[in-house]
């Protein structure tokens, strides 16, 4: 049994929630918490939604938002708590520590969560108290348990939807949150549930992906879900497998419980590196895994019916009509998902000011957000609000598709800085590259390490952090040596009917060579593309050797670096 698993068996991870109250009351430092509870407490604190930062005595805290759905009151509280508590101390730069976002900012994640940095342990009870008043939680935002349940951010709004799955998402989330029987799984457990035909919630890369389906039973047509199991990214990416089940909405909680039970019983707790459900599904095979789930399910599940998924939409940026006549929702573009807490609170207040009583704020898997139920005559005033000027719904294609993980600013695993670089590069690429008019988005995803938090494998262009040793001895960095930040460079990923992970075309590319290389690629793409061919399709059609040759024609040659340590 590995060390992490030993810590989880020593004390049930959910017990840390009560212990945390005591640490806060006593104002304990990191060293004092470790002295009192041992080193395993840092692992257990993840069940409270907390990760340690690189900076001692500060946490990142993750707020779960099932399906990305927030009432304006909830969104306002998140923004205000961020503004009040997520502040860097003077010794770490204070308000000057980040020139792009200042201080007291939040991150919208690819799992429709909210993350805040610079949280001290004594502030957590106040955060929880303010959250509880509006129905929010951080519990099981992290850790080896059911994570935030994803959904389409436009659930209940768009006419491409077969049915509104948000009530099902809420029911599944409620079942697993603080459920001691299923809170200590072999590894993290990720679910997505959607009733829309465009699979906005990324069923192909989750442990459990439920997508809309229809089946005739006893002469009547019923809507429900088909299941895709065993998807995921990181070092062992795998597209989820279709299994032969039809799940009525009322049986969804039981089906998800049975899958979790199967994972709980059969998952390998001894080898943490391969203890994700995707490895288990691959090992036993989708058919046998389905059989194991059926054996543990207390309801009889019909075989599959007619699948209703037609493709992959990817985002909801822009102004869109809702099903209700006269109402629209607006998808705002937040490059890399980071924005000020005060700005998020302003957006929430704007939802109340300009929207109907049903107005909401929705978080999307591309790190953007929506404001819904806006009468058409109010949209122009909404877009004139101060927060909206920074996050306009009509960005350039690179800004629209830019996703970035936390990066080495806070994360102990990340090798390179990502958030600032993602925002600067997206805007620079929009200025420097003319993309064909019919291409409204180019997805560029940057992860600071191989953990894939930014999902680079499904992007048109994906980056994975490296340190790079320059071969040119005459190009030292500011420290006087020739080691610089760089990245592996991948091309051609996408989800949907033509889903495929990208190819890592070039490794150990110095950061300074990336934008010139992208410019060369898009020049070749413009010359060689067939009518209607998207960038990722062109990258797949063209041989990787040819792509490398194109990249190496850049002014800052890609070939000047090697991975540090190779």
Protein backbone atom coordinates (compact mmCIF):
# COMPACT_ATOMS: atom_id res chain seq x y z
CA UNK A 1 0.00 0.00 0.00
CA UNK A 2 1.41 3.39 -0.98
CA UNK A 3 2.02 6.21 1.51
CA UNK A 4 -1.00 8.27 0.46
CA UNK A 5 -3.25 5.23 0.87
CA UNK A 6 -1.82 4.60 4.33
CA UNK A 7 -2.66 8.15 5.39
CA UNK A 8 -6.23 7.69 4.11
CA UNK A 9 -6.64 4.49 6.10
CA UNK A 10 -5.21 5.96 9.31
CA UNK A 11 -8.05 8.48 9.50
CA UNK A 12 -11.10 8.85 7.31
CA UNK A 13 -10.37 11.83 5.06
CA UNK A 14 -13.69 13.53 5.83
CA UNK A 15 -12.69 13.73 9.51
CA UNK A 16 -10.28 16.48 8.52
CA UNK A 17 -13.22 18.89 8.14
CA UNK A 18 -13.87 18.98 11.88
CA UNK A 19 -10.13 19.01 12.63
CA UNK A 20 -9.69 22.02 10.37
CA UNK A 21 -12.04 24.05 12.55
CA UNK A 22 -9.69 23.38 15.47
CA UNK A 23 -6.59 24.37 13.50
CA UNK A 24 -8.30 27.63 12.55
CA UNK A 25 -9.44 28.38 16.11
CA UNK A 26 -5.90 27.87 17.36
CA UNK A 27 -4.32 29.75 14.44
CA UNK A 28 -1.83 26.96 13.77
CA UNK A 29 0.97 27.33 11.25
CA UNK A 30 1.77 24.61 8.71
CA UNK A 31 4.57 23.33 10.92
CA UNK A 32 2.24 23.15 13.94
CA UNK A 33 -0.47 21.34 11.96
CA UNK A 34 2.08 18.77 10.78
CA UNK A 35 3.44 18.37 14.31
CA UNK A 36 -0.08 17.73 15.64
CA UNK A 37 -1.51 15.54 12.86
CA UNK A 38 1.45 14.25 10.85
CA UNK A 39 2.46 14.73 7.23
CA UNK A 40 -0.58 12.85 5.96
CA UNK A 41 -2.82 15.74 6.95
CA UNK A 42 -1.85 17.62 3.78
CA UNK A 43 -3.34 14.79 1.74
CA UNK A 44 -6.51 14.64 3.86
CA UNK A 45 -7.04 18.42 3.66
CA UNK A 46 -7.81 17.91 -0.04
CA UNK A 47 -11.20 16.51 1.06
CA UNK A 48 -11.90 19.97 2.48
CA UNK A 49 -11.14 21.37 -0.99
CA UNK A 50 -7.69 22.63 0.00
CA UNK A 51 -4.25 22.28 -1.59
CA UNK A 52 -1.06 23.63 -0.11
CA UNK A 53 0.60 26.32 -2.22
CA UNK A 54 4.30 26.67 -2.90
CA UNK A 55 4.20 29.53 -0.40
CA UNK A 56 4.22 28.27 3.21
CA UNK A 57 1.09 28.75 5.33
CA UNK A 58 -1.20 29.51 2.38
CA UNK A 59 -3.76 27.36 0.60
CA UNK A 60 -5.54 27.17 -2.70
CA UNK A 61 -9.21 26.51 -1.95
CA UNK A 62 -11.55 25.01 -4.56
CA UNK A 63 -15.29 25.67 -4.61
CA UNK A 64 -17.46 23.00 -6.24
CA UNK A 65 -20.14 24.23 -8.64
CA UNK A 66 -22.19 21.25 -9.94
CA UNK A 67 -22.89 21.72 -13.63
CA UNK A 68 -21.32 25.18 -13.35
CA UNK A 69 -24.66 26.61 -12.18
CA UNK A 70 -24.62 29.56 -9.77
CA UNK A 71 -27.41 31.83 -8.65
CA UNK A 72 -26.43 35.52 -8.78
CA UNK A 73 -26.37 35.48 -4.95
CA UNK A 74 -23.91 32.58 -4.92
CA UNK A 75 -21.67 34.17 -7.54
CA UNK A 76 -21.67 37.46 -5.64
CA UNK A 77 -20.61 35.72 -2.43
CA UNK A 78 -17.79 33.92 -4.26
CA UNK A 79 -16.54 37.23 -5.64
CA UNK A 80 -16.81 39.03 -2.31
CA UNK A 81 -15.08 36.22 -0.39
CA UNK A 82 -12.29 36.30 -2.96
CA UNK A 83 -11.94 40.06 -2.59
CA UNK A 84 -11.88 39.82 1.21
CA UNK A 85 -9.74 36.74 1.81
CA UNK A 86 -7.68 35.79 -1.29
CA UNK A 87 -5.09 38.51 -0.81
CA UNK A 88 -1.33 38.15 -0.99
CA UNK A 89 0.68 39.51 1.97
CA UNK A 90 3.24 42.25 1.46
CA UNK A 91 6.18 39.86 1.82
CA UNK A 92 4.85 38.02 -1.25
CA UNK A 93 4.25 41.18 -3.25
CA UNK A 94 0.79 42.13 -1.98
CA UNK A 95 -1.35 43.90 -4.53
CA UNK A 96 1.70 44.39 -6.77
CA UNK A 97 2.53 40.68 -7.07
CA UNK A 98 0.64 40.21 -10.32
CA UNK A 99 0.79 42.92 -12.97
CA UNK A 100 -2.04 41.43 -15.06
CA UNK A 101 -4.63 40.75 -12.36
CA UNK A 102 -3.46 42.62 -9.29
CA UNK A 103 -4.59 40.92 -6.10
CA UNK A 104 -7.66 39.01 -4.88
CA UNK A 105 -8.43 37.09 -8.07
CA UNK A 106 -10.11 33.76 -8.74
CA UNK A 107 -9.67 31.07 -11.36
CA UNK A 108 -12.49 29.36 -13.27
CA UNK A 109 -11.34 25.79 -13.91
CA UNK A 110 -11.90 23.21 -16.62
CA UNK A 111 -14.12 21.33 -14.13
CA UNK A 112 -16.48 24.28 -13.61
CA UNK A 113 -14.96 24.96 -10.18
CA UNK A 114 -13.71 28.20 -8.66
CA UNK A 115 -10.20 28.32 -7.17
CA UNK A 116 -8.85 30.99 -4.83
CA UNK A 117 -5.26 31.46 -3.71
CA UNK A 118 -3.58 32.99 -0.67
CA UNK A 119 -6.13 31.57 1.79
CA UNK A 120 -4.95 31.17 5.40
CA UNK A 121 -6.25 28.39 7.59
CA UNK A 122 -7.88 30.77 10.09
CA UNK A 123 -9.99 32.26 7.26
CA UNK A 124 -11.56 28.97 6.17
CA UNK A 125 -14.37 28.83 8.80
CA UNK A 126 -15.50 32.34 7.78
CA UNK A 127 -15.50 31.28 4.13
CA UNK A 128 -17.54 28.16 4.95
CA UNK A 129 -20.02 30.16 7.00
CA UNK A 130 -20.59 32.64 4.20
CA UNK A 131 -20.83 29.80 1.70
CA UNK A 132 -23.33 27.84 3.77
CA UNK A 133 -25.73 30.79 3.78
CA UNK A 134 -26.09 30.52 -0.02
CA UNK A 135 -25.65 26.75 -0.47
CA UNK A 136 -22.01 26.51 -1.59
CA UNK A 137 -19.33 24.05 -0.51
CA UNK A 138 -15.64 23.25 -0.91
CA UNK A 139 -16.04 19.70 0.46
CA UNK A 140 -14.50 17.10 -1.86
CA UNK A 141 -13.40 19.74 -4.30
CA UNK A 142 -10.14 17.74 -4.27
CA UNK A 143 -9.01 14.34 -3.02
CA UNK A 144 -9.69 10.73 -3.97
CA UNK A 145 -13.45 11.02 -4.16
CA UNK A 146 -16.20 12.16 -6.52
CA UNK A 147 -15.10 15.53 -7.88
CA UNK A 148 -17.36 18.28 -9.18
CA UNK A 149 -19.98 16.86 -11.58
CA UNK A 150 -19.77 18.55 -14.97
CA UNK A 151 -22.67 19.61 -17.16
CA UNK A 152 -23.55 21.81 -20.11
CA UNK A 153 -23.33 25.44 -18.93
CA UNK A 154 -26.36 26.24 -21.09
CA UNK A 155 -28.53 23.52 -19.53
CA UNK A 156 -32.20 24.44 -19.89
CA UNK A 157 -31.44 27.29 -22.30
CA UNK A 158 -30.57 26.02 -25.78
CA UNK A 159 -32.73 24.31 -28.38
CA UNK A 160 -29.97 21.77 -29.11
CA UNK A 161 -30.83 20.19 -25.77
CA UNK A 162 -32.92 17.01 -25.52
CA UNK A 163 -33.72 17.70 -21.86
CA UNK A 164 -32.37 19.70 -18.92
CA UNK A 165 -29.96 17.47 -17.00
CA UNK A 166 -29.16 19.96 -14.22
CA UNK A 167 -31.58 18.32 -11.72
CA UNK A 168 -29.81 15.00 -12.31
CA UNK A 169 -26.40 16.63 -11.83
CA UNK A 170 -27.59 18.11 -8.54
CA UNK A 171 -28.92 14.74 -7.35
CA UNK A 172 -25.68 12.89 -8.16
CA UNK A 173 -23.58 15.61 -6.54
CA UNK A 174 -25.73 15.60 -3.42
CA UNK A 175 -25.45 11.81 -3.11
CA UNK A 176 -21.64 11.73 -3.21
CA UNK A 177 -20.83 14.90 -1.22
CA UNK A 178 -19.95 13.98 2.39
CA UNK A 179 -20.96 10.34 1.74
CA UNK A 180 -18.40 8.49 3.87
CA UNK A 181 -18.92 5.20 2.06
CA UNK A 182 -17.82 6.68 -1.28
CA UNK A 183 -15.51 9.48 -0.14
CA UNK A 184 -12.39 7.31 0.06
CA UNK A 185 -11.95 5.84 -3.41
CA UNK A 186 -8.73 4.49 -4.91
CA UNK A 187 -8.23 7.75 -6.82
CA UNK A 188 -10.19 10.80 -7.97
CA UNK A 189 -13.53 10.02 -9.66
CA UNK A 190 -14.78 12.37 -12.37
CA UNK A 191 -18.33 12.42 -13.76
CA UNK A 192 -20.10 14.46 -16.40
CA UNK A 193 -23.82 14.46 -17.20
CA UNK A 194 -25.53 16.30 -20.03
CA UNK A 195 -28.81 16.35 -21.89
CA UNK A 196 -27.47 18.40 -24.81
CA UNK A 197 -26.54 16.95 -28.17
CA UNK A 198 -23.24 18.86 -28.42
CA UNK A 199 -21.45 17.13 -25.52
CA UNK A 200 -20.24 20.44 -24.05
CA UNK A 201 -19.43 18.57 -20.83
CA UNK A 202 -16.68 16.44 -22.41
CA UNK A 203 -17.99 12.91 -21.81
CA UNK A 204 -15.10 11.39 -23.78
CA UNK A 205 -12.43 12.35 -21.21
CA UNK A 206 -14.19 11.58 -17.92
CA UNK A 207 -14.41 8.44 -15.78
CA UNK A 208 -18.19 8.51 -16.25
CA UNK A 209 -19.77 10.40 -19.13
CA UNK A 210 -23.54 10.36 -19.48
CA UNK A 211 -24.95 11.72 -22.75
CA UNK A 212 -28.53 11.98 -24.04
CA UNK A 213 -30.27 8.98 -25.57
CA UNK A 214 -33.75 7.76 -26.46
CA UNK A 215 -35.21 4.27 -26.19
CA UNK A 216 -38.55 2.67 -26.85
CA UNK A 217 -39.77 0.65 -23.87
CA UNK A 218 -43.16 -1.08 -23.91
CA UNK A 219 -44.19 0.95 -26.92
CA UNK A 220 -43.31 4.32 -25.44
CA UNK A 221 -40.33 6.58 -26.16
CA UNK A 222 -38.22 7.54 -23.14
CA UNK A 223 -35.32 9.98 -22.83
CA UNK A 224 -32.35 9.10 -20.67
CA UNK A 225 -28.61 8.58 -20.94
CA UNK A 226 -26.03 6.43 -22.64
CA UNK A 227 -22.81 5.87 -20.71
CA UNK A 228 -19.18 6.30 -21.65
CA UNK A 229 -16.71 4.93 -19.11
CA UNK A 230 -12.98 5.13 -18.50
CA UNK A 231 -11.91 8.36 -20.20
CA UNK A 232 -9.15 10.64 -18.96
CA UNK A 233 -5.95 12.54 -19.76
CA UNK A 234 -2.65 13.04 -17.86
CA UNK A 235 0.21 10.65 -18.67
CA UNK A 236 -2.07 7.86 -19.93
CA UNK A 237 -4.79 9.54 -22.01
CA UNK A 238 -7.73 7.40 -23.03
CA UNK A 239 -11.03 8.12 -24.76
CA UNK A 240 -13.99 6.72 -22.82
CA UNK A 241 -15.59 3.47 -23.99
CA UNK A 242 -19.27 3.19 -24.88
CA UNK A 243 -21.13 0.57 -22.84
CA UNK A 244 -24.45 -1.09 -23.66
CA UNK A 245 -26.78 0.54 -21.14
CA UNK A 246 -29.70 2.96 -21.22
CA UNK A 247 -30.11 4.88 -17.96
CA UNK A 248 -33.45 6.50 -17.12
CA UNK A 249 -32.90 9.84 -15.32
CA UNK A 250 -34.43 8.47 -12.11
CA UNK A 251 -31.82 5.67 -12.03
CA UNK A 252 -28.78 7.87 -12.66
CA UNK A 253 -27.72 8.18 -9.02
CA UNK A 254 -27.85 4.42 -8.60
CA UNK A 255 -25.88 3.82 -11.80
CA UNK A 256 -23.14 6.26 -10.74
CA UNK A 257 -23.06 4.67 -7.28
CA UNK A 258 -22.62 1.23 -8.85
CA UNK A 259 -19.74 2.48 -11.02
CA UNK A 260 -18.08 4.01 -7.95
CA UNK A 261 -18.63 0.74 -6.05
CA UNK A 262 -16.98 -1.19 -8.88
CA UNK A 263 -14.01 1.18 -8.88
CA UNK A 264 -13.83 1.02 -5.08
CA UNK A 265 -13.69 -2.78 -5.06
CA UNK A 266 -11.53 -3.44 -8.13
CA UNK A 267 -9.24 -0.39 -8.25
CA UNK A 268 -5.58 -1.03 -7.44
CA UNK A 269 -4.77 0.96 -4.31
CA UNK A 270 -1.16 -0.27 -4.26
CA UNK A 271 0.10 1.51 -7.38
CA UNK A 272 -1.07 5.11 -7.32
CA UNK A 273 0.47 5.87 -10.69
CA UNK A 274 -1.99 3.63 -12.56
CA UNK A 275 -4.89 3.71 -10.12
CA UNK A 276 -7.34 5.69 -12.24
CA UNK A 277 -10.56 4.19 -13.51
CA UNK A 278 -9.43 4.46 -17.14
CA UNK A 279 -6.64 1.95 -16.46
CA UNK A 280 -9.11 -0.42 -14.82
CA UNK A 281 -11.57 -0.23 -17.75
CA UNK A 282 -8.68 -0.83 -20.17
CA UNK A 283 -7.39 -3.76 -18.11
CA UNK A 284 -10.65 -5.69 -17.67
CA UNK A 285 -12.29 -4.49 -20.91
CA UNK A 286 -15.42 -2.35 -21.31
CA UNK A 287 -17.78 -5.36 -21.57
CA UNK A 288 -16.56 -7.01 -18.36
CA UNK A 289 -16.53 -3.67 -16.58
CA UNK A 290 -20.14 -3.10 -17.63
CA UNK A 291 -21.00 -6.56 -16.33
CA UNK A 292 -19.35 -5.74 -12.99
CA UNK A 293 -21.38 -2.52 -12.76
CA UNK A 294 -24.63 -4.34 -13.54
CA UNK A 295 -23.83 -6.89 -10.82
CA UNK A 296 -23.56 -4.08 -8.27
CA UNK A 297 -26.53 -2.04 -9.49
CA UNK A 298 -29.83 -2.44 -7.59
CA UNK A 299 -31.93 -1.62 -10.68
CA UNK A 300 -32.13 -3.50 -13.97
CA UNK A 301 -30.75 -1.30 -16.71
CA UNK A 302 -32.04 -1.66 -20.29
CA UNK A 303 -29.59 -2.07 -23.14
CA UNK A 304 -28.62 1.00 -25.14
CA UNK A 305 -31.10 2.81 -27.34
CA UNK A 306 -30.55 5.59 -29.85
CA UNK A 307 -27.69 7.96 -29.10
CA UNK A 308 -28.51 11.63 -29.64
CA UNK A 309 -25.07 13.24 -29.46
CA UNK A 310 -24.24 14.98 -32.75
CA UNK A 311 -20.83 16.53 -32.08
CA UNK A 312 -18.78 18.69 -29.74
CA UNK A 313 -19.46 22.38 -29.33
CA UNK A 314 -16.67 23.33 -26.97
CA UNK A 315 -17.80 26.76 -25.79
CA UNK A 316 -20.70 29.19 -25.44
CA UNK A 317 -18.85 32.47 -25.95
CA UNK A 318 -21.03 35.15 -27.58
CA UNK A 319 -24.61 36.40 -27.42
CA UNK A 320 -27.14 33.58 -27.94
CA UNK A 321 -30.92 33.29 -28.09
CA UNK A 322 -32.57 31.20 -25.40
CA UNK A 323 -35.50 28.89 -26.00
CA UNK A 324 -37.78 31.43 -24.31
CA UNK A 325 -38.65 34.11 -26.83
CA UNK A 326 -37.10 37.50 -26.08
CA UNK A 327 -34.37 36.18 -23.76
CA UNK A 328 -30.67 35.77 -24.44
CA UNK A 329 -27.60 34.53 -22.62
CA UNK A 330 -24.12 35.99 -22.95
CA UNK A 331 -20.91 33.95 -22.86
CA UNK A 332 -17.99 36.06 -21.62
CA UNK A 333 -14.39 35.24 -22.58
CA UNK A 334 -11.99 34.95 -19.61
CA UNK A 335 -8.55 34.14 -20.98
CA UNK A 336 -6.98 31.38 -18.83
CA UNK A 337 -9.99 31.62 -16.49
CA UNK A 338 -8.51 34.25 -14.16
CA UNK A 339 -10.38 37.40 -13.13
CA UNK A 340 -10.71 39.66 -10.12
CA UNK A 341 -13.03 38.72 -7.31
CA UNK A 342 -14.51 42.20 -7.51
CA UNK A 343 -15.15 41.70 -11.24
CA UNK A 344 -16.91 38.39 -10.61
CA UNK A 345 -19.08 40.03 -7.97
CA UNK A 346 -19.87 42.83 -10.48
CA UNK A 347 -20.93 40.21 -13.02
CA UNK A 348 -23.25 38.64 -10.44
CA UNK A 349 -24.81 41.99 -9.59
CA UNK A 350 -25.22 42.71 -13.32
CA UNK A 351 -27.08 39.39 -13.70
CA UNK A 352 -29.56 40.58 -11.07
CA UNK A 353 -29.77 44.07 -12.53
CA UNK A 354 -30.37 43.16 -16.16
CA UNK A 355 -31.77 39.63 -15.96
CA UNK A 356 -35.11 38.13 -15.02
CA UNK A 357 -35.78 36.40 -11.71
CA UNK A 358 -34.35 33.22 -13.30
CA UNK A 359 -31.01 34.83 -14.17
CA UNK A 360 -27.92 32.81 -13.35
CA UNK A 361 -24.15 32.77 -13.72
CA UNK A 362 -22.79 29.60 -15.34
CA UNK A 363 -19.18 28.38 -15.41
CA UNK A 364 -17.96 26.59 -18.53
CA UNK A 365 -15.34 23.88 -19.04
CA UNK A 366 -13.29 26.25 -21.22
CA UNK A 367 -12.74 28.59 -18.20
CA UNK A 368 -15.32 31.12 -19.41
CA UNK A 369 -18.69 32.06 -17.87
CA UNK A 370 -22.25 32.85 -18.96
CA UNK A 371 -24.92 35.22 -17.70
CA UNK A 372 -28.39 33.95 -18.54
CA UNK A 373 -32.01 35.11 -18.88
CA UNK A 374 -31.27 38.60 -20.16
CA UNK A 375 -34.12 40.32 -22.03
CA UNK A 376 -32.88 41.30 -25.50
CA UNK A 377 -33.35 45.00 -24.79
CA UNK A 378 -30.97 44.77 -21.78
CA UNK A 379 -28.05 43.04 -23.49
CA UNK A 380 -26.41 46.23 -24.76
CA UNK A 381 -26.45 47.75 -21.24
CA UNK A 382 -25.01 44.53 -19.80
CA UNK A 383 -22.13 44.65 -22.27
CA UNK A 384 -21.41 48.26 -21.29
CA UNK A 385 -20.76 47.28 -17.64
CA UNK A 386 -17.15 47.83 -16.49
CA UNK A 387 -16.40 44.12 -15.97
CA UNK A 388 -17.67 43.30 -19.48
CA UNK A 389 -15.17 45.56 -21.20
CA UNK A 390 -12.37 43.18 -20.21
CA UNK A 391 -14.28 39.97 -20.94
CA UNK A 392 -16.18 40.83 -24.12
CA UNK A 393 -18.12 38.04 -25.86
CA UNK A 394 -16.53 38.65 -29.29
CA UNK A 395 -12.82 37.82 -28.80
CA UNK A 396 -10.25 36.84 -31.39
CA UNK A 397 -9.93 33.10 -32.13
CA UNK A 398 -6.82 32.56 -30.01
CA UNK A 399 -8.22 34.44 -27.00
CA UNK A 400 -11.46 32.50 -27.31
CA UNK A 401 -9.66 29.15 -27.21
CA UNK A 402 -6.94 29.86 -24.63
CA UNK A 403 -6.87 27.61 -21.56
CA UNK A 404 -4.16 27.63 -18.90
CA UNK A 405 -3.52 25.68 -15.71
CA UNK A 406 -2.33 27.20 -12.40
CA UNK A 407 1.35 27.01 -13.35
CA UNK A 408 4.47 27.30 -11.22
CA UNK A 409 3.30 30.52 -9.56
CA UNK A 410 1.47 28.36 -7.01
CA UNK A 411 1.57 24.69 -8.05
CA UNK A 412 4.28 22.40 -6.66
CA UNK A 413 4.23 20.21 -9.77
CA UNK A 414 4.27 22.81 -12.54
CA UNK A 415 7.57 23.46 -14.28
CA UNK A 416 6.67 26.68 -16.09
CA UNK A 417 4.58 29.82 -15.60
CA UNK A 418 1.28 29.49 -17.48
CA UNK A 419 -1.46 32.02 -16.59
CA UNK A 420 0.31 35.22 -17.61
CA UNK A 421 1.88 33.53 -20.61
CA UNK A 422 -1.46 32.14 -21.81
CA UNK A 423 -3.12 35.58 -21.71
CA UNK A 424 -0.23 37.45 -23.31
CA UNK A 425 0.29 34.87 -26.04
CA UNK A 426 -3.42 34.67 -26.90
CA UNK A 427 -3.65 38.41 -27.45
CA UNK A 428 -0.36 38.56 -29.34
CA UNK A 429 -1.41 35.70 -31.63
CA UNK A 430 -4.72 37.44 -32.34
CA UNK A 431 -2.78 40.51 -33.45
CA UNK A 432 -0.14 38.69 -35.51
CA UNK A 433 -2.06 35.92 -37.27
CA UNK A 434 -4.89 36.22 -39.77
CA UNK A 435 -7.10 33.17 -39.24
CA UNK A 436 -9.63 32.26 -41.99
CA UNK A 437 -12.92 34.03 -41.40
CA UNK A 438 -14.94 30.85 -40.84
CA UNK A 439 -12.58 29.71 -38.04
CA UNK A 440 -13.95 31.36 -34.90
CA UNK A 441 -11.73 29.57 -32.37
CA UNK A 442 -8.23 28.08 -32.21
CA UNK A 443 -7.83 26.07 -29.02
CA UNK A 444 -4.42 26.56 -27.36
CA UNK A 445 -4.11 24.80 -24.01
CA UNK A 446 -1.08 25.20 -21.75
CA UNK A 447 -0.25 22.81 -18.89
CA UNK A 448 2.70 23.48 -16.64
CA UNK A 449 3.52 19.77 -16.34
CA UNK A 450 2.32 16.39 -17.61
CA UNK A 451 -0.73 16.28 -15.30
CA UNK A 452 -2.92 17.82 -18.03
CA UNK A 453 -4.97 20.17 -15.85
CA UNK A 454 -5.33 22.43 -18.91
CA UNK A 455 -6.30 19.46 -21.12
CA UNK A 456 -3.64 20.01 -23.82
CA UNK A 457 -4.31 16.65 -25.48
CA UNK A 458 -7.70 17.81 -26.83
CA UNK A 459 -6.48 21.17 -28.18
CA UNK A 460 -5.61 22.34 -31.69
CA UNK A 461 -2.28 23.34 -30.14
CA UNK A 462 -1.22 21.90 -26.78
CA UNK A 463 1.72 22.76 -24.55
CA UNK A 464 3.28 20.75 -21.70
CA UNK A 465 5.88 22.42 -19.51
CA UNK A 466 9.59 21.60 -19.69
CA UNK A 467 12.86 23.17 -18.69
CA UNK A 468 15.02 23.50 -21.78
CA UNK A 469 18.78 23.68 -22.18
CA UNK A 470 19.63 25.94 -25.10
CA UNK A 471 22.15 24.54 -27.52
CA UNK A 472 23.26 28.08 -28.39
CA UNK A 473 25.71 28.96 -25.63
CA UNK A 474 25.48 32.65 -26.60
CA UNK A 475 21.80 32.95 -25.58
CA UNK A 476 21.88 32.89 -21.78
CA UNK A 477 18.85 33.80 -19.72
CA UNK A 478 18.74 36.46 -17.01
CA UNK A 479 20.49 34.16 -14.53
CA UNK A 480 23.52 33.84 -16.78
CA UNK A 481 23.04 30.19 -17.75
CA UNK A 482 21.33 28.61 -20.75
CA UNK A 483 18.42 26.88 -19.00
CA UNK A 484 15.06 28.43 -19.93
CA UNK A 485 11.39 27.65 -19.65
CA UNK A 486 10.03 25.71 -22.57
CA UNK A 487 7.45 23.14 -23.53
CA UNK A 488 6.51 20.13 -25.55
CA UNK A 489 4.47 21.24 -28.55
CA UNK A 490 1.46 19.17 -29.71
CA UNK A 491 -0.90 19.53 -32.66
CA UNK A 492 -4.22 18.14 -33.86
CA UNK A 493 -6.36 17.31 -30.83
CA UNK A 494 -10.16 17.51 -30.68
CA UNK A 495 -13.25 16.00 -29.09
CA UNK A 496 -16.47 15.09 -30.90
CA UNK A 497 -17.30 12.75 -33.75
CA UNK A 498 -13.69 12.96 -35.01
CA UNK A 499 -12.15 12.86 -31.54
CA UNK A 500 -8.42 12.25 -31.34
CA UNK A 501 -5.63 13.19 -28.98
CA UNK A 502 -2.96 15.46 -30.43
CA UNK A 503 0.49 14.30 -31.45
CA UNK A 504 3.42 15.70 -29.49
CA UNK A 505 5.11 16.88 -32.67
CA UNK A 506 8.11 18.60 -31.07
CA UNK A 507 9.61 18.41 -27.59
CA UNK A 508 11.68 20.86 -25.55
CA UNK A 509 10.75 24.00 -27.48
CA UNK A 510 12.10 27.18 -25.82
CA UNK A 511 9.24 29.51 -24.92
CA UNK A 512 10.68 32.28 -27.07
CA UNK A 513 10.42 30.08 -30.18
CA UNK A 514 6.75 29.20 -29.81
CA UNK A 515 4.93 32.20 -31.31
CA UNK A 516 7.17 32.36 -34.40
CA UNK A 517 6.60 28.62 -34.89
CA UNK A 518 2.80 29.08 -34.68
CA UNK A 519 3.03 31.90 -37.23
CA UNK A 520 4.85 29.59 -39.65
CA UNK A 521 2.28 26.86 -39.12
CA UNK A 522 -0.62 29.19 -39.88
CA UNK A 523 1.10 30.53 -42.99
CA UNK A 524 1.40 26.97 -44.27
CA UNK A 525 -2.15 26.17 -43.19
CA UNK A 526 -3.52 29.17 -45.12
CA UNK A 527 -1.69 28.06 -48.26
CA UNK A 528 -2.45 24.33 -48.04
CA UNK A 529 -5.86 23.93 -46.40
CA UNK A 530 -8.78 22.52 -48.31
CA UNK A 531 -12.12 24.35 -48.31
CA UNK A 532 -13.60 24.37 -44.79
CA UNK A 533 -10.66 22.45 -43.30
CA UNK A 534 -10.06 23.38 -39.68
CA UNK A 535 -6.56 23.76 -38.25
CA UNK A 536 -6.58 20.50 -36.28
CA UNK A 537 -7.80 18.64 -39.38
CA UNK A 538 -4.94 20.06 -41.43
CA UNK A 539 -2.44 19.11 -38.70
CA UNK A 540 -3.68 15.51 -38.83
CA UNK A 541 -3.55 15.36 -42.63
CA UNK A 542 -0.02 16.73 -42.86
CA UNK A 543 2.86 14.45 -41.92
CA UNK A 544 4.55 15.28 -38.59
CA UNK A 545 7.94 15.60 -40.29
CA UNK A 546 6.45 18.25 -42.54
CA UNK A 547 4.96 20.07 -39.51
CA UNK A 548 8.34 20.07 -37.81
CA UNK A 549 10.00 21.43 -40.93
CA UNK A 550 7.44 24.26 -41.07
CA UNK A 551 7.99 25.13 -37.41
CA UNK A 552 11.77 25.21 -37.89
CA UNK A 553 11.49 27.92 -40.52
CA UNK A 554 10.64 30.42 -37.76
CA UNK A 555 12.92 33.35 -36.89
CA UNK A 556 13.49 31.84 -33.44
CA UNK A 557 14.29 28.24 -34.47
CA UNK A 558 12.47 25.51 -32.57
CA UNK A 559 15.48 23.22 -32.81
CA UNK A 560 17.71 25.19 -30.46
CA UNK A 561 16.60 23.45 -27.27
CA UNK A 562 16.83 20.05 -25.66
CA UNK A 563 14.96 18.89 -22.59
CA UNK A 564 17.00 19.73 -19.51
CA UNK A 565 18.52 16.52 -18.21
CA UNK A 566 18.32 14.62 -21.52
